[in-house]
Amino acid sequence: MSITEKILCSKSHEFLLDNGDGTHTIGLTDYAVEQLGDIVFLELPEVGSEFKKGETFATVESVKAASEIYMPVSGKIVEINETAVDAPETLNENAFEWLVKIELTGDAEEQNDLLEYEDYKEELE
């Protein structure tokens, strides 16, 4: 099964993946990375930080622009992708590279407006 069959996507181009162990992974969709172009800087929050759905939790900069990255659901950061911070170009090299892992702090209804990948792709057209 490919990652696109397992993720949910936000309209602001983040993806959410249920890891099956009580944590979820968040990253940027392939479309977001493509639109950004060559990524040169990534700032992620500290482990233990908590964010509400819709809040900015990270910043990414490319040669084209700087963009904020939003939480698709409320959660507490349990792990960050240090490799992506140290070498942000890895986001361009690996579609669906993860940014953070979280424990959910909101309720399941927060996921109701997230789209399955196929529906997300249709929205882009």
PDB file of N, CA and C in Angstrom:
ATOM      1  N   MET A   1       0.852  -1.182   0.000  1.00  0.00           N
ATOM      2  CA  MET A   1       0.000   0.000   0.000  1.00  0.00           C
ATOM      3  C   MET A   1       0.896   1.243   0.000  1.00  0.00           C
ATOM      4  N   SER A   2       0.608   2.166  -0.893  1.00  0.00           N
ATOM      5  CA  SER A   2       1.425   3.378  -0.963  1.00  0.00           C
ATOM      6  C   SER A   2       0.959   4.385   0.087  1.00  0.00           C
ATOM      7  N   ILE A   3       1.818   5.354   0.382  1.00  0.00           N
ATOM      8  CA  ILE A   3       1.484   6.357   1.395  1.00  0.00           C
ATOM      9  C   ILE A   3       0.235   7.139   0.999  1.00  0.00           C
ATOM     10  N   THR A   4       0.016   7.335  -0.307  1.00  0.00           N
ATOM     11  CA  THR A   4      -1.134   8.129  -0.739  1.00  0.00           C
ATOM     12  C   THR A   4      -2.465   7.457  -0.394  1.00  0.00           C
ATOM     13  N   GLU A   5      -2.439   6.161  -0.148  1.00  0.00           N
ATOM     14  CA  GLU A   5      -3.669   5.453   0.233  1.00  0.00           C
ATOM     15  C   GLU A   5      -3.939   5.559   1.736  1.00  0.00           C
ATOM     16  N   LYS A   6      -2.956   6.044   2.503  1.00  0.00           N
ATOM     17  CA  LYS A   6      -3.079   6.068   3.959  1.00  0.00           C
ATOM     18  C   LYS A   6      -3.178   7.474   4.546  1.00  0.00           C
ATOM     19  N   ILE A   7      -2.840   8.502   3.780  1.00  0.00           N
ATOM     20  CA  ILE A   7      -2.789   9.854   4.342  1.00  0.00           C
ATOM     21  C   ILE A   7      -4.092  10.617   4.153  1.00  0.00           C
ATOM     22  N   LEU A   8      -4.263  11.619   5.017  1.00  0.00           N
ATOM     23  CA  LEU A   8      -5.322  12.614   4.864  1.00  0.00           C
ATOM     24  C   LEU A   8      -4.620  13.945   4.604  1.00  0.00           C
ATOM     25  N   CYS A   9      -5.222  14.782   3.767  1.00  0.00           N
ATOM     26  CA  CYS A   9      -4.594  16.042   3.386  1.00  0.00           C
ATOM     27  C   CYS A   9      -5.469  17.231   3.764  1.00  0.00           C
ATOM     28  N   SER A  10      -4.812  18.328   4.126  1.00  0.00           N
ATOM     29  CA  SER A  10      -5.528  19.566   4.440  1.00  0.00           C
ATOM     30  C   SER A  10      -5.561  20.446   3.194  1.00  0.00           C
ATOM     31  N   LYS A  11      -6.470  21.401   3.195  1.00  0.00           N
ATOM     32  CA  LYS A  11      -6.545  22.336   2.065  1.00  0.00           C
ATOM     33  C   LYS A  11      -5.335  23.263   2.031  1.00  0.00           C
ATOM     34  N   SER A  12      -4.588  23.335   3.154  1.00  0.00           N
ATOM     35  CA  SER A  12      -3.362  24.150   3.174  1.00  0.00           C
ATOM     36  C   SER A  12      -2.126  23.301   2.852  1.00  0.00           C
ATOM     37  N   HIS A  13      -2.341  22.095   2.350  1.00  0.00           N
ATOM     38  CA  HIS A  13      -1.308  21.232   1.756  1.00  0.00           C
ATOM     39  C   HIS A  13      -0.388  20.512   2.738  1.00  0.00           C
ATOM     40  N   GLU A  14      -0.898  20.220   3.947  1.00  0.00           N
ATOM     41  CA  GLU A  14      -0.178  19.337   4.863  1.00  0.00           C
ATOM     42  C   GLU A  14      -0.830  17.963   4.794  1.00  0.00           C
ATOM     43  N   PHE A  15      -0.038  16.928   5.123  1.00  0.00           N
ATOM     44  CA  PHE A  15      -0.637  15.601   5.203  1.00  0.00           C
ATOM     45  C   PHE A  15      -0.545  15.079   6.623  1.00  0.00           C
ATOM     46  N   LEU A  16      -1.472  14.163   6.949  1.00  0.00           N
ATOM     47  CA  LEU A  16      -1.536  13.526   8.254  1.00  0.00           C
ATOM     48  C   LEU A  16      -1.556  12.021   8.032  1.00  0.00           C
ATOM     49  N   LEU A  17      -0.669  11.321   8.718  1.00  0.00           N
ATOM     50  CA  LEU A  17      -0.584   9.866   8.600  1.00  0.00           C
ATOM     51  C   LEU A  17      -0.690   9.254   9.985  1.00  0.00           C
ATOM     52  N   ASP A  18      -1.648   8.352  10.157  1.00  0.00           N
ATOM     53  CA  ASP A  18      -1.806   7.631  11.416  1.00  0.00           C
ATOM     54  C   ASP A  18      -0.753   6.532  11.461  1.00  0.00           C
ATOM     55  N   ASN A  19       0.140   6.591  12.431  1.00  0.00           N
ATOM     56  CA  ASN A  19       1.223   5.608  12.521  1.00  0.00           C
ATOM     57  C   ASN A  19       0.783   4.293  13.148  1.00  0.00           C
ATOM     58  N   GLY A  20      -0.446   4.270  13.693  1.00  0.00           N
ATOM     59  CA  GLY A  20      -0.961   3.034  14.269  1.00  0.00           C
ATOM     60  C   GLY A  20      -0.433   2.733  15.663  1.00  0.00           C
ATOM     61  N   ASP A  21       0.366   3.656  16.222  1.00  0.00           N
ATOM     62  CA  ASP A  21       0.927   3.435  17.562  1.00  0.00           C
ATOM     63  C   ASP A  21       0.538   4.564  18.516  1.00  0.00           C
ATOM     64  N   GLY A  22      -0.517   5.286  18.170  1.00  0.00           N
ATOM     65  CA  GLY A  22      -0.942   6.411  18.988  1.00  0.00           C
ATOM     66  C   GLY A  22      -0.347   7.738  18.553  1.00  0.00           C
ATOM     67  N   THR A  23       0.576   7.684  17.578  1.00  0.00           N
ATOM     68  CA  THR A  23       1.152   8.924  17.048  1.00  0.00           C
ATOM     69  C   THR A  23       0.714   9.125  15.609  1.00  0.00           C
ATOM     70  N   HIS A  24       0.850  10.365  15.152  1.00  0.00           N
ATOM     71  CA  HIS A  24       0.564  10.716  13.761  1.00  0.00           C
ATOM     72  C   HIS A  24       1.749  11.492  13.211  1.00  0.00           C
ATOM     73  N   THR A  25       1.998  11.322  11.935  1.00  0.00           N
ATOM     74  CA  THR A  25       3.068  12.029  11.250  1.00  0.00           C
ATOM     75  C   THR A  25       2.451  13.141  10.415  1.00  0.00           C
ATOM     76  N   ILE A  26       3.121  14.310  10.418  1.00  0.00           N
ATOM     77  CA  ILE A  26       2.683  15.443   9.601  1.00  0.00           C
ATOM     78  C   ILE A  26       3.824  15.848   8.679  1.00  0.00           C
ATOM     79  N   GLY A  27       3.457  16.181   7.439  1.00  0.00           N
ATOM     80  CA  GLY A  27       4.441  16.661   6.476  1.00  0.00           C
ATOM     81  C   GLY A  27       3.741  17.482   5.417  1.00  0.00           C
ATOM     82  N   LEU A  28       4.499  17.882   4.413  1.00  0.00           N
ATOM     83  CA  LEU A  28       3.950  18.640   3.296  1.00  0.00           C
ATOM     84  C   LEU A  28       3.596  17.691   2.164  1.00  0.00           C
ATOM     85  N   THR A  29       2.506  17.982   1.463  1.00  0.00           N
ATOM     86  CA  THR A  29       2.134  17.144   0.322  1.00  0.00           C
ATOM     87  C   THR A  29       3.117  17.358  -0.826  1.00  0.00           C
ATOM     88  N   ASP A  30       3.100  16.435  -1.756  1.00  0.00           N
ATOM     89  CA  ASP A  30       3.954  16.544  -2.940  1.00  0.00           C
ATOM     90  C   ASP A  30       3.649  17.836  -3.704  1.00  0.00           C
ATOM     91  N   TYR A  31       2.383  18.222  -3.747  1.00  0.00           N
ATOM     92  CA  TYR A  31       1.986  19.456  -4.443  1.00  0.00           C
ATOM     93  C   TYR A  31       2.629  20.680  -3.778  1.00  0.00           C
ATOM     94  N   ALA A  32       2.600  20.742  -2.453  1.00  0.00           N
ATOM     95  CA  ALA A  32       3.181  21.878  -1.729  1.00  0.00           C
ATOM     96  C   ALA A  32       4.674  22.001  -2.013  1.00  0.00           C
ATOM     97  N   VAL A  33       5.374  20.881  -1.963  1.00  0.00           N
ATOM     98  CA  VAL A  33       6.819  20.889  -2.207  1.00  0.00           C
ATOM     99  C   VAL A  33       7.112  21.329  -3.639  1.00  0.00           C
ATOM    100  N   GLU A  34       6.308  20.838  -4.581  1.00  0.00           N
ATOM    101  CA  GLU A  34       6.471  21.213  -5.991  1.00  0.00           C
ATOM    102  C   GLU A  34       6.270  22.724  -6.176  1.00  0.00           C
ATOM    103  N   GLN A  35       5.249  23.279  -5.520  1.00  0.00           N
ATOM    104  CA  GLN A  35       4.953  24.704  -5.638  1.00  0.00           C
ATOM    105  C   GLN A  35       6.048  25.567  -5.002  1.00  0.00           C
ATOM    106  N   LEU A  36       6.637  25.090  -3.921  1.00  0.00           N
ATOM    107  CA  LEU A  36       7.682  25.852  -3.238  1.00  0.00           C
ATOM    108  C   LEU A  36       8.959  25.939  -4.058  1.00  0.00           C
ATOM    109  N   GLY A  37       9.274  24.876  -4.776  1.00  0.00           N
ATOM    110  CA  GLY A  37      10.545  24.850  -5.502  1.00  0.00           C
ATOM    111  C   GLY A  37      11.661  24.421  -4.560  1.00  0.00           C
ATOM    112  N   ASP A  38      12.882  24.885  -4.832  1.00  0.00           N
ATOM    113  CA  ASP A  38      14.045  24.444  -4.050  1.00  0.00           C
ATOM    114  C   ASP A  38      13.984  24.969  -2.624  1.00  0.00           C
ATOM    115  N   ILE A  39      13.811  24.050  -1.682  1.00  0.00           N
ATOM    116  CA  ILE A  39      13.693  24.406  -0.271  1.00  0.00           C
ATOM    117  C   ILE A  39      15.093  24.586   0.319  1.00  0.00           C
ATOM    118  N   VAL A  40      15.287  25.738   0.999  1.00  0.00           N
ATOM    119  CA  VAL A  40      16.613  26.071   1.528  1.00  0.00           C
ATOM    120  C   VAL A  40      16.636  26.209   3.051  1.00  0.00           C
ATOM    121  N   PHE A  41      15.465  26.287   3.690  1.00  0.00           N
ATOM    122  CA  PHE A  41      15.428  26.472   5.141  1.00  0.00           C
ATOM    123  C   PHE A  41      14.146  25.883   5.703  1.00  0.00           C
ATOM    124  N   LEU A  42      14.255  25.253   6.871  1.00  0.00           N
ATOM    125  CA  LEU A  42      13.100  24.682   7.550  1.00  0.00           C
ATOM    126  C   LEU A  42      13.256  24.923   9.044  1.00  0.00           C
ATOM    127  N   GLU A  43      12.224  25.476   9.645  1.00  0.00           N
ATOM    128  CA  GLU A  43      12.214  25.681  11.093  1.00  0.00           C
ATOM    129  C   GLU A  43      11.067  24.881  11.675  1.00  0.00           C
ATOM    130  N   LEU A  44      11.396  23.979  12.609  1.00  0.00           N
ATOM    131  CA  LEU A  44      10.392  23.136  13.262  1.00  0.00           C
ATOM    132  C   LEU A  44      10.338  23.465  14.748  1.00  0.00           C
ATOM    133  N   PRO A  45       9.213  23.173  15.401  1.00  0.00           N
ATOM    134  CA  PRO A  45       9.066  23.477  16.826  1.00  0.00           C
ATOM    135  C   PRO A  45       9.849  22.490  17.694  1.00  0.00           C
ATOM    136  N   GLU A  46       9.945  22.815  18.965  1.00  0.00           N
ATOM    137  CA  GLU A  46      10.607  21.917  19.909  1.00  0.00           C
ATOM    138  C   GLU A  46       9.678  20.778  20.310  1.00  0.00           C
ATOM    139  N   VAL A  47      10.275  19.635  20.615  1.00  0.00           N
ATOM    140  CA  VAL A  47       9.518  18.504  21.144  1.00  0.00           C
ATOM    141  C   VAL A  47       8.839  18.962  22.434  1.00  0.00           C
ATOM    142  N   GLY A  48       7.588  18.594  22.603  1.00  0.00           N
ATOM    143  CA  GLY A  48       6.825  18.987  23.780  1.00  0.00           C
ATOM    144  C   GLY A  48       5.900  20.165  23.515  1.00  0.00           C
ATOM    145  N   SER A  49       6.141  20.895  22.404  1.00  0.00           N
ATOM    146  CA  SER A  49       5.274  22.027  22.055  1.00  0.00           C
ATOM    147  C   SER A  49       3.898  21.505  21.683  1.00  0.00           C
ATOM    148  N   GLU A  50       2.860  22.271  22.035  1.00  0.00           N
ATOM    149  CA  GLU A  50       1.486  21.893  21.670  1.00  0.00           C
ATOM    150  C   GLU A  50       0.885  22.954  20.769  1.00  0.00           C
ATOM    151  N   PHE A  51       0.129  22.495  19.790  1.00  0.00           N
ATOM    152  CA  PHE A  51      -0.502  23.390  18.825  1.00  0.00           C
ATOM    153  C   PHE A  51      -1.953  22.990  18.615  1.00  0.00           C
ATOM    154  N   LYS A  52      -2.783  23.981  18.396  1.00  0.00           N
ATOM    155  CA  LYS A  52      -4.186  23.745  18.051  1.00  0.00           C
ATOM    156  C   LYS A  52      -4.288  23.611  16.535  1.00  0.00           C
ATOM    157  N   LYS A  53      -5.328  22.927  16.090  1.00  0.00           N
ATOM    158  CA  LYS A  53      -5.591  22.799  14.657  1.00  0.00           C
ATOM    159  C   LYS A  53      -5.618  24.194  14.023  1.00  0.00           C
ATOM    160  N   GLY A  54      -4.910  24.342  12.896  1.00  0.00           N
ATOM    161  CA  GLY A  54      -4.902  25.602  12.168  1.00  0.00           C
ATOM    162  C   GLY A  54      -3.790  26.554  12.565  1.00  0.00           C
ATOM    163  N   GLU A  55      -3.117  26.288  13.686  1.00  0.00           N
ATOM    164  CA  GLU A  55      -2.014  27.159  14.106  1.00  0.00           C
ATOM    165  C   GLU A  55      -0.761  26.867  13.285  1.00  0.00           C
ATOM    166  N   THR A  56       0.053  27.908  13.100  1.00  0.00           N
ATOM    167  CA  THR A  56       1.344  27.743  12.437  1.00  0.00           C
ATOM    168  C   THR A  56       2.274  26.994  13.374  1.00  0.00           C
ATOM    169  N   PHE A  57       2.893  25.909  12.884  1.00  0.00           N
ATOM    170  CA  PHE A  57       3.833  25.181  13.730  1.00  0.00           C
ATOM    171  C   PHE A  57       5.235  25.142  13.152  1.00  0.00           C
ATOM    172  N   ALA A  58       5.379  25.551  11.897  1.00  0.00           N
ATOM    173  CA  ALA A  58       6.693  25.492  11.253  1.00  0.00           C
ATOM    174  C   ALA A  58       6.754  26.523  10.131  1.00  0.00           C
ATOM    175  N   THR A  59       7.983  26.796   9.704  1.00  0.00           N
ATOM    176  CA  THR A  59       8.208  27.709   8.590  1.00  0.00           C
ATOM    177  C   THR A  59       9.156  27.032   7.610  1.00  0.00           C
ATOM    178  N   VAL A  60       8.842  27.191   6.336  1.00  0.00           N
ATOM    179  CA  VAL A  60       9.707  26.645   5.295  1.00  0.00           C
ATOM    180  C   VAL A  60      10.014  27.771   4.315  1.00  0.00           C
ATOM    181  N   GLU A  61      11.277  27.824   3.877  1.00  0.00           N
ATOM    182  CA  GLU A  61      11.670  28.829   2.902  1.00  0.00           C
ATOM    183  C   GLU A  61      12.284  28.141   1.703  1.00  0.00           C
ATOM    184  N   SER A  62      11.910  28.650   0.536  1.00  0.00           N
ATOM    185  CA  SER A  62      12.494  28.152  -0.706  1.00  0.00           C
ATOM    186  C   SER A  62      13.138  29.337  -1.409  1.00  0.00           C
ATOM    187  N   VAL A  63      13.757  29.081  -2.554  1.00  0.00           N
ATOM    188  CA  VAL A  63      14.337  30.188  -3.310  1.00  0.00           C
ATOM    189  C   VAL A  63      13.243  31.121  -3.814  1.00  0.00           C
ATOM    190  N   LYS A  64      12.002  30.644  -3.873  1.00  0.00           N
ATOM    191  CA  LYS A  64      10.869  31.454  -4.340  1.00  0.00           C
ATOM    192  C   LYS A  64      10.187  32.247  -3.236  1.00  0.00           C
ATOM    193  N   ALA A  65       9.973  31.629  -2.066  1.00  0.00           N
ATOM    194  CA  ALA A  65       9.130  32.260  -1.044  1.00  0.00           C
ATOM    195  C   ALA A  65       9.299  31.588   0.313  1.00  0.00           C
ATOM    196  N   ALA A  66       8.785  32.254   1.333  1.00  0.00           N
ATOM    197  CA  ALA A  66       8.695  31.661   2.673  1.00  0.00           C
ATOM    198  C   ALA A  66       7.231  31.332   2.916  1.00  0.00           C
ATOM    199  N   SER A  67       6.977  30.208   3.551  1.00  0.00           N
ATOM    200  CA  SER A  67       5.601  29.789   3.818  1.00  0.00           C
ATOM    201  C   SER A  67       5.480  29.261   5.232  1.00  0.00           C
ATOM    202  N   GLU A  68       4.303  29.474   5.808  1.00  0.00           N
ATOM    203  CA  GLU A  68       4.004  28.901   7.106  1.00  0.00           C
ATOM    204  C   GLU A  68       3.372  27.533   6.881  1.00  0.00           C
ATOM    205  N   ILE A  69       3.605  26.649   7.830  1.00  0.00           N
ATOM    206  CA  ILE A  69       3.025  25.313   7.779  1.00  0.00           C
ATOM    207  C   ILE A  69       2.070  25.204   8.961  1.00  0.00           C
ATOM    208  N   TYR A  70       0.854  24.734   8.684  1.00  0.00           N
ATOM    209  CA  TYR A  70      -0.214  24.728   9.673  1.00  0.00           C
ATOM    210  C   TYR A  70      -0.508  23.323  10.181  1.00  0.00           C
ATOM    211  N   MET A  71      -0.937  23.250  11.436  1.00  0.00           N
ATOM    212  CA  MET A  71      -1.320  21.964  12.025  1.00  0.00           C
ATOM    213  C   MET A  71      -2.655  21.514  11.439  1.00  0.00           C
ATOM    214  N   PRO A  72      -2.707  20.325  10.842  1.00  0.00           N
ATOM    215  CA  PRO A  72      -3.980  19.830  10.312  1.00  0.00           C
ATOM    216  C   PRO A  72      -4.922  19.349  11.424  1.00  0.00           C
ATOM    217  N   VAL A  73      -4.374  19.065  12.605  1.00  0.00           N
ATOM    218  CA  VAL A  73      -5.139  18.658  13.789  1.00  0.00           C
ATOM    219  C   VAL A  73      -4.392  19.172  15.022  1.00  0.00           C
ATOM    220  N   SER A  74      -5.065  19.226  16.156  1.00  0.00           N
ATOM    221  CA  SER A  74      -4.393  19.634  17.393  1.00  0.00           C
ATOM    222  C   SER A  74      -3.486  18.505  17.879  1.00  0.00           C
ATOM    223  N   GLY A  75      -2.300  18.883  18.356  1.00  0.00           N
ATOM    224  CA  GLY A  75      -1.402  17.844  18.821  1.00  0.00           C
ATOM    225  C   GLY A  75      -0.198  18.364  19.571  1.00  0.00           C
ATOM    226  N   LYS A  76       0.475  17.429  20.226  1.00  0.00           N
ATOM    227  CA  LYS A  76       1.708  17.704  20.960  1.00  0.00           C
ATOM    228  C   LYS A  76       2.856  17.063  20.196  1.00  0.00           C
ATOM    229  N   ILE A  77       3.907  17.843  19.939  1.00  0.00           N
ATOM    230  CA  ILE A  77       5.067  17.346  19.190  1.00  0.00           C
ATOM    231  C   ILE A  77       5.814  16.322  20.034  1.00  0.00           C
ATOM    232  N   VAL A  78       6.009  15.122  19.481  1.00  0.00           N
ATOM    233  CA  VAL A  78       6.763  14.088  20.195  1.00  0.00           C
ATOM    234  C   VAL A  78       8.105  13.791  19.517  1.00  0.00           C
ATOM    235  N   GLU A  79       8.238  14.214  18.262  1.00  0.00           N
ATOM    236  CA  GLU A  79       9.508  13.998  17.543  1.00  0.00           C
ATOM    237  C   GLU A  79       9.556  14.955  16.362  1.00  0.00           C
ATOM    238  N   ILE A  80      10.765  15.458  16.063  1.00  0.00           N
ATOM    239  CA  ILE A  80      10.932  16.281  14.858  1.00  0.00           C
ATOM    240  C   ILE A  80      11.960  15.624  13.948  1.00  0.00           C
ATOM    241  N   ASN A  81      11.867  15.926  12.671  1.00  0.00           N
ATOM    242  CA  ASN A  81      12.775  15.364  11.678  1.00  0.00           C
ATOM    243  C   ASN A  81      14.026  16.242  11.614  1.00  0.00           C
ATOM    244  N   GLU A  82      15.015  15.900  12.434  1.00  0.00           N
ATOM    245  CA  GLU A  82      16.269  16.668  12.502  1.00  0.00           C
ATOM    246  C   GLU A  82      16.992  16.681  11.157  1.00  0.00           C
ATOM    247  N   THR A  83      16.903  15.582  10.424  1.00  0.00           N
ATOM    248  CA  THR A  83      17.563  15.501   9.121  1.00  0.00           C
ATOM    249  C   THR A  83      17.026  16.570   8.180  1.00  0.00           C
ATOM    250  N   ALA A  84      15.703  16.771   8.194  1.00  0.00           N
ATOM    251  CA  ALA A  84      15.090  17.776   7.321  1.00  0.00           C
ATOM    252  C   ALA A  84      15.487  19.191   7.737  1.00  0.00           C
ATOM    253  N   VAL A  85      15.670  19.417   9.045  1.00  0.00           N
ATOM    254  CA  VAL A  85      16.110  20.735   9.520  1.00  0.00           C
ATOM    255  C   VAL A  85      17.546  20.987   9.072  1.00  0.00           C
ATOM    256  N   ASP A  86      18.409  19.985   9.240  1.00  0.00           N
ATOM    257  CA  ASP A  86      19.828  20.125   8.880  1.00  0.00           C
ATOM    258  C   ASP A  86      20.055  20.160   7.379  1.00  0.00           C
ATOM    259  N   ALA A  87      19.201  19.471   6.617  1.00  0.00           N
ATOM    260  CA  ALA A  87      19.342  19.404   5.165  1.00  0.00           C
ATOM    261  C   ALA A  87      17.962  19.550   4.523  1.00  0.00           C
ATOM    262  N   PRO A  88      17.409  20.797   4.504  1.00  0.00           N
ATOM    263  CA  PRO A  88      16.037  21.000   4.027  1.00  0.00           C
ATOM    264  C   PRO A  88      15.807  20.549   2.580  1.00  0.00           C
ATOM    265  N   GLU A  89      16.886  20.444   1.802  1.00  0.00           N
ATOM    266  CA  GLU A  89      16.725  19.981   0.418  1.00  0.00           C
ATOM    267  C   GLU A  89      16.204  18.552   0.340  1.00  0.00           C
ATOM    268  N   THR A  90      16.283  17.806   1.453  1.00  0.00           N
ATOM    269  CA  THR A  90      15.732  16.440   1.441  1.00  0.00           C
ATOM    270  C   THR A  90      14.230  16.462   1.192  1.00  0.00           C
ATOM    271  N   LEU A  91      13.567  17.582   1.522  1.00  0.00           N
ATOM    272  CA  LEU A  91      12.129  17.683   1.257  1.00  0.00           C
ATOM    273  C   LEU A  91      11.853  17.653  -0.247  1.00  0.00           C
ATOM    274  N   ASN A  92      12.773  18.223  -1.027  1.00  0.00           N
ATOM    275  CA  ASN A  92      12.613  18.203  -2.482  1.00  0.00           C
ATOM    276  C   ASN A  92      12.913  16.824  -3.063  1.00  0.00           C
ATOM    277  N   GLU A  93      13.784  16.096  -2.389  1.00  0.00           N
ATOM    278  CA  GLU A  93      14.237  14.803  -2.920  1.00  0.00           C
ATOM    279  C   GLU A  93      13.276  13.664  -2.594  1.00  0.00           C
ATOM    280  N   ASN A  94      12.542  13.782  -1.484  1.00  0.00           N
ATOM    281  CA  ASN A  94      11.662  12.698  -1.030  1.00  0.00           C
ATOM    282  C   ASN A  94      10.230  13.196  -0.917  1.00  0.00           C
ATOM    283  N   ALA A  95       9.378  12.766  -1.819  1.00  0.00           N
ATOM    284  CA  ALA A  95       7.964  13.138  -1.721  1.00  0.00           C
ATOM    285  C   ALA A  95       7.424  12.598  -0.394  1.00  0.00           C
ATOM    286  N   PHE A  96       6.620  13.391   0.269  1.00  0.00           N
ATOM    287  CA  PHE A  96       5.985  13.012   1.533  1.00  0.00           C
ATOM    288  C   PHE A  96       6.994  12.772   2.654  1.00  0.00           C
ATOM    289  N   GLU A  97       8.084  13.534   2.649  1.00  0.00           N
ATOM    290  CA  GLU A  97       9.039  13.491   3.770  1.00  0.00           C
ATOM    291  C   GLU A  97       8.327  14.026   5.008  1.00  0.00           C
ATOM    292  N   TRP A  98       8.510  13.384   6.136  1.00  0.00           N
ATOM    293  CA  TRP A  98       7.825  13.816   7.354  1.00  0.00           C
ATOM    294  C   TRP A  98       8.542  14.996   7.989  1.00  0.00           C
ATOM    295  N   LEU A  99       7.776  15.807   8.728  1.00  0.00           N
ATOM    296  CA  LEU A  99       8.324  16.950   9.460  1.00  0.00           C
ATOM    297  C   LEU A  99       8.294  16.704  10.960  1.00  0.00           C
ATOM    298  N   VAL A 100       7.117  16.349  11.478  1.00  0.00           N
ATOM    299  CA  VAL A 100       6.971  16.106  12.919  1.00  0.00           C
ATOM    300  C   VAL A 100       6.069  14.902  13.159  1.00  0.00           C
ATOM    301  N   LYS A 101       6.225  14.327  14.345  1.00  0.00           N
ATOM    302  CA  LYS A 101       5.301  13.308  14.818  1.00  0.00           C
ATOM    303  C   LYS A 101       4.615  13.896  16.040  1.00  0.00           C
ATOM    304  N   ILE A 102       3.305  13.650  16.146  1.00  0.00           N
ATOM    305  CA  ILE A 102       2.517  14.221  17.231  1.00  0.00           C
ATOM    306  C   ILE A 102       1.657  13.170  17.917  1.00  0.00           C
ATOM    307  N   GLU A 103       1.258  13.510  19.131  1.00  0.00           N
ATOM    308  CA  GLU A 103       0.170  12.802  19.806  1.00  0.00           C
ATOM    309  C   GLU A 103      -1.027  13.734  19.708  1.00  0.00           C
ATOM    310  N   LEU A 104      -2.168  13.218  19.300  1.00  0.00           N
ATOM    311  CA  LEU A 104      -3.363  14.038  19.158  1.00  0.00           C
ATOM    312  C   LEU A 104      -3.814  14.572  20.509  1.00  0.00           C
ATOM    313  N   THR A 105      -4.223  15.840  20.528  1.00  0.00           N
ATOM    314  CA  THR A 105      -4.765  16.430  21.758  1.00  0.00           C
ATOM    315  C   THR A 105      -6.206  16.888  21.546  1.00  0.00           C
ATOM    316  N   GLY A 106      -6.665  16.878  20.294  1.00  0.00           N
ATOM    317  CA  GLY A 106      -8.040  17.263  19.994  1.00  0.00           C
ATOM    318  C   GLY A 106      -8.908  16.031  19.840  1.00  0.00           C
ATOM    319  N   ASP A 107     -10.145  16.234  19.409  1.00  0.00           N
ATOM    320  CA  ASP A 107     -11.021  15.080  19.204  1.00  0.00           C
ATOM    321  C   ASP A 107     -10.997  14.640  17.735  1.00  0.00           C
ATOM    322  N   ALA A 108     -11.510  13.463  17.489  1.00  0.00           N
ATOM    323  CA  ALA A 108     -11.472  12.859  16.157  1.00  0.00           C
ATOM    324  C   ALA A 108     -12.197  13.701  15.109  1.00  0.00           C
ATOM    325  N   GLU A 109     -13.168  14.495  15.552  1.00  0.00           N
ATOM    326  CA  GLU A 109     -13.926  15.319  14.605  1.00  0.00           C
ATOM    327  C   GLU A 109     -13.049  16.334  13.883  1.00  0.00           C
ATOM    328  N   GLU A 110     -11.889  16.647  14.445  1.00  0.00           N
ATOM    329  CA  GLU A 110     -10.975  17.592  13.799  1.00  0.00           C
ATOM    330  C   GLU A 110     -10.523  17.093  12.419  1.00  0.00           C
ATOM    331  N   GLN A 111     -10.588  15.796  12.219  1.00  0.00           N
ATOM    332  CA  GLN A 111     -10.136  15.226  10.950  1.00  0.00           C
ATOM    333  C   GLN A 111     -11.223  15.246   9.873  1.00  0.00           C
ATOM    334  N   ASN A 112     -12.445  15.673  10.239  1.00  0.00           N
ATOM    335  CA  ASN A 112     -13.567  15.612   9.301  1.00  0.00           C
ATOM    336  C   ASN A 112     -13.366  16.433   8.034  1.00  0.00           C
ATOM    337  N   ASP A 113     -12.615  17.542   8.110  1.00  0.00           N
ATOM    338  CA  ASP A 113     -12.434  18.362   6.915  1.00  0.00           C
ATOM    339  C   ASP A 113     -11.155  18.019   6.151  1.00  0.00           C
ATOM    340  N   LEU A 114     -10.440  16.987   6.610  1.00  0.00           N
ATOM    341  CA  LEU A 114      -9.266  16.531   5.856  1.00  0.00           C
ATOM    342  C   LEU A 114      -9.730  15.618   4.733  1.00  0.00           C
ATOM    343  N   LEU A 115      -8.980  15.636   3.650  1.00  0.00           N
ATOM    344  CA  LEU A 115      -9.374  14.903   2.446  1.00  0.00           C
ATOM    345  C   LEU A 115      -8.486  13.693   2.210  1.00  0.00           C
ATOM    346  N   GLU A 116      -9.069  12.625   1.696  1.00  0.00           N
ATOM    347  CA  GLU A 116      -8.242  11.520   1.225  1.00  0.00           C
ATOM    348  C   GLU A 116      -7.439  12.047   0.043  1.00  0.00           C
ATOM    349  N   TYR A 117      -6.277  11.457  -0.205  1.00  0.00           N
ATOM    350  CA  TYR A 117      -5.357  11.981  -1.208  1.00  0.00           C
ATOM    351  C   TYR A 117      -6.004  12.160  -2.581  1.00  0.00           C
ATOM    352  N   GLU A 118      -6.779  11.187  -3.018  1.00  0.00           N
ATOM    353  CA  GLU A 118      -7.411  11.286  -4.344  1.00  0.00           C
ATOM    354  C   GLU A 118      -8.354  12.493  -4.417  1.00  0.00           C
ATOM    355  N   ASP A 119      -9.119  12.721  -3.337  1.00  0.00           N
ATOM    356  CA  ASP A 119     -10.028  13.869  -3.291  1.00  0.00           C
ATOM    357  C   ASP A 119      -9.239  15.175  -3.248  1.00  0.00           C
ATOM    358  N   TYR A 120      -8.135  15.163  -2.513  1.00  0.00           N
ATOM    359  CA  TYR A 120      -7.253  16.332  -2.432  1.00  0.00           C
ATOM    360  C   TYR A 120      -6.735  16.691  -3.826  1.00  0.00           C
ATOM    361  N   LYS A 121      -6.268  15.680  -4.564  1.00  0.00           N
ATOM    362  CA  LYS A 121      -5.755  15.926  -5.925  1.00  0.00           C
ATOM    363  C   LYS A 121      -6.834  16.499  -6.831  1.00  0.00           C
ATOM    364  N   GLU A 122      -8.068  16.008  -6.687  1.00  0.00           N
ATOM    365  CA  GLU A 122      -9.179  16.530  -7.488  1.00  0.00           C
ATOM    366  C   GLU A 122      -9.451  17.985  -7.158  1.00  0.00           C
ATOM    367  N   GLU A 123      -9.347  18.355  -5.878  1.00  0.00           N
ATOM    368  CA  GLU A 123      -9.555  19.748  -5.459  1.00  0.00           C
ATOM    369  C   GLU A 123      -8.545  20.680  -6.110  1.00  0.00           C
ATOM    370  N   LEU A 124      -7.347  20.165  -6.401  1.00  0.00           N
ATOM    371  CA  LEU A 124      -6.285  20.992  -6.979  1.00  0.00           C
ATOM    372  C   LEU A 124      -6.535  21.313  -8.447  1.00  0.00           C
ATOM    373  N   GLU A 125      -7.338  20.479  -9.093  1.00  0.00           N
ATOM    374  CA  GLU A 125      -7.542  20.621 -10.540  1.00  0.00           C
ATOM    375  C   GLU A 125      -8.409  21.813 -10.881  1.00  0.00           C
TER     376      GLU A 125
END
